[in-house]
């Protein structure tokens, strides 16, 4: 278990205060704007540690950037993510779980794991895009 340093706690608190997913650089900017002296490398390290321990969700954006958010659900789960505003909804996806196990077994794989995050436009962003 990692030591709970003041830097890690500051990163965790900043992540908790953030809506949706955020990049390490954007979180660092937020911390810096609030007067924190925490360096960018420390933010990256703390976010990685939080993701490894299950305290943060981590995913790769469609652009390939690593994004993080405070994890609100324990256990395996998936996300619906608005690619415009970042709204995130945690979802259970039983059909995906069954499909992944079947495909892995059919191909001779065991102990298979998967990551499924669905990107789209939320209801509000869809209305805005339509000019409503």
Protein backbone atom coordinates (compact mmCIF):
# COMPACT_ATOMS: atom_id res chain seq x y z
CA UNK A 1 0.00 0.00 0.00
CA UNK A 2 1.26 3.46 -0.92
CA UNK A 3 1.97 6.06 1.72
CA UNK A 4 -0.74 8.68 1.92
CA UNK A 5 1.36 11.83 1.42
CA UNK A 6 -0.06 15.34 1.45
CA UNK A 7 0.57 15.51 -2.30
CA UNK A 8 -1.40 12.33 -2.98
CA UNK A 9 -4.20 13.56 -0.74
CA UNK A 10 -4.28 16.92 -2.55
CA UNK A 11 -4.53 15.13 -5.91
CA UNK A 12 -7.28 12.86 -4.56
CA UNK A 13 -9.24 15.87 -3.23
CA UNK A 14 -8.86 17.76 -6.51
CA UNK A 15 -10.02 14.68 -8.42
CA UNK A 16 -13.01 14.27 -6.08
CA UNK A 17 -13.99 17.89 -6.79
CA UNK A 18 -13.85 17.35 -10.57
CA UNK A 19 -16.92 16.43 -12.61
CA UNK A 20 -16.23 13.71 -15.16
CA UNK A 21 -12.84 12.65 -16.47
CA UNK A 22 -9.82 14.97 -16.50
CA UNK A 23 -6.26 14.76 -17.79
CA UNK A 24 -3.27 14.90 -15.49
CA UNK A 25 -2.21 18.20 -17.06
CA UNK A 26 -5.65 19.78 -16.56
CA UNK A 27 -5.76 18.56 -12.94
CA UNK A 28 -2.25 19.94 -12.41
CA UNK A 29 -3.40 23.31 -13.80
CA UNK A 30 -6.35 23.29 -11.39
CA UNK A 31 -4.05 22.52 -8.46
CA UNK A 32 -1.54 25.16 -9.57
CA UNK A 33 -4.31 27.79 -9.95
CA UNK A 34 -5.35 27.11 -6.36
CA UNK A 35 -1.80 27.76 -5.16
CA UNK A 36 -0.54 24.19 -4.86
CA UNK A 37 3.18 23.67 -5.45
CA UNK A 38 2.69 20.04 -6.57
CA UNK A 39 4.63 19.25 -9.73
CA UNK A 40 3.19 17.65 -12.84
CA UNK A 41 5.24 14.45 -12.41
CA UNK A 42 3.82 14.07 -8.89
CA UNK A 43 0.27 14.48 -10.25
CA UNK A 44 0.91 11.78 -12.86
CA UNK A 45 2.38 9.45 -10.23
CA UNK A 46 -0.47 10.06 -7.76
CA UNK A 47 -3.13 9.52 -10.42
CA UNK A 48 -1.46 6.29 -11.51
CA UNK A 49 -1.36 5.09 -7.91
CA UNK A 50 -5.02 6.03 -7.36
CA UNK A 51 -6.03 4.17 -10.52
CA UNK A 52 -4.01 1.09 -9.53
CA UNK A 53 -5.61 1.03 -6.07
CA UNK A 54 -9.12 1.37 -7.51
CA UNK A 55 -9.70 4.83 -6.06
CA UNK A 56 -9.78 6.39 -9.53
CA UNK A 57 -11.05 5.30 -12.92
CA UNK A 58 -8.62 5.63 -15.80
CA UNK A 59 -9.31 5.50 -19.50
CA UNK A 60 -7.82 6.55 -22.76
CA UNK A 61 -9.73 9.23 -24.65
CA UNK A 62 -10.45 8.81 -28.36
CA UNK A 63 -7.45 11.14 -28.85
CA UNK A 64 -5.19 8.76 -26.91
CA UNK A 65 -4.85 10.90 -23.79
CA UNK A 66 -5.08 9.26 -20.35
CA UNK A 67 -8.02 10.61 -18.36
CA UNK A 68 -8.91 10.08 -14.71
CA UNK A 69 -11.84 10.57 -12.38
CA UNK A 70 -12.67 9.70 -8.81
CA UNK A 71 -14.17 6.23 -8.74
CA UNK A 72 -17.67 6.14 -7.30
CA UNK A 73 -18.41 2.45 -7.86
CA UNK A 74 -16.46 -0.43 -6.45
CA UNK A 75 -15.93 -3.44 -8.64
CA UNK A 76 -15.89 -3.87 -12.38
CA UNK A 77 -17.99 -1.38 -14.33
CA UNK A 78 -18.16 0.57 -17.59
CA UNK A 79 -18.84 4.18 -18.57
CA UNK A 80 -20.96 6.21 -20.94
CA UNK A 81 -18.97 9.40 -21.59
CA UNK A 82 -20.05 12.54 -23.40
CA UNK A 83 -17.22 13.49 -25.71
CA UNK A 84 -18.36 17.12 -25.64
CA UNK A 85 -18.95 18.00 -21.96
CA UNK A 86 -17.40 14.96 -20.25
CA UNK A 87 -20.57 13.88 -18.44
CA UNK A 88 -19.95 10.33 -17.25
CA UNK A 89 -22.44 7.67 -16.24
CA UNK A 90 -21.26 4.44 -14.67
CA UNK A 91 -23.13 1.48 -16.10
CA UNK A 92 -23.40 -2.24 -15.61
CA UNK A 93 -23.17 -4.11 -18.89
CA UNK A 94 -24.12 -7.74 -18.29
CA UNK A 95 -24.38 -8.40 -22.03
CA UNK A 96 -20.79 -7.20 -22.53
CA UNK A 97 -19.58 -9.41 -19.68
CA UNK A 98 -21.24 -12.50 -21.17
CA UNK A 99 -20.01 -11.71 -24.67
CA UNK A 100 -16.40 -11.17 -23.51
CA UNK A 101 -16.36 -14.50 -21.65
CA UNK A 102 -17.83 -16.36 -24.64
CA UNK A 103 -15.42 -14.86 -27.15
CA UNK A 104 -12.42 -15.51 -24.91
CA UNK A 105 -13.44 -19.13 -24.27
CA UNK A 106 -14.22 -19.76 -27.95
CA UNK A 107 -10.66 -18.68 -28.76
CA UNK A 108 -9.02 -20.70 -26.00
CA UNK A 109 -8.35 -17.78 -23.65
CA UNK A 110 -8.72 -17.92 -19.88
CA UNK A 111 -8.53 -15.18 -17.23
CA UNK A 112 -9.61 -12.67 -19.87
CA UNK A 113 -10.14 -9.05 -18.88
CA UNK A 114 -11.62 -6.17 -20.83
CA UNK A 115 -12.23 -2.43 -20.77
CA UNK A 116 -15.35 -1.03 -22.40
CA UNK A 117 -16.16 2.66 -22.36
CA UNK A 118 -18.77 4.13 -24.69
CA UNK A 119 -18.28 7.66 -26.02
CA UNK A 120 -21.11 9.71 -27.50
CA UNK A 121 -23.12 12.88 -26.92
CA UNK A 122 -25.28 13.24 -23.83
CA UNK A 123 -28.88 14.38 -24.15
CA UNK A 124 -28.06 18.02 -23.39
CA UNK A 125 -25.14 18.20 -25.85
CA UNK A 126 -27.27 16.51 -28.51
CA UNK A 127 -29.93 19.22 -28.07
CA UNK A 128 -27.27 21.95 -28.21
CA UNK A 129 -25.75 20.45 -31.37
CA UNK A 130 -29.20 20.38 -32.97
CA UNK A 131 -29.63 24.08 -32.18
CA UNK A 132 -32.48 23.61 -29.75
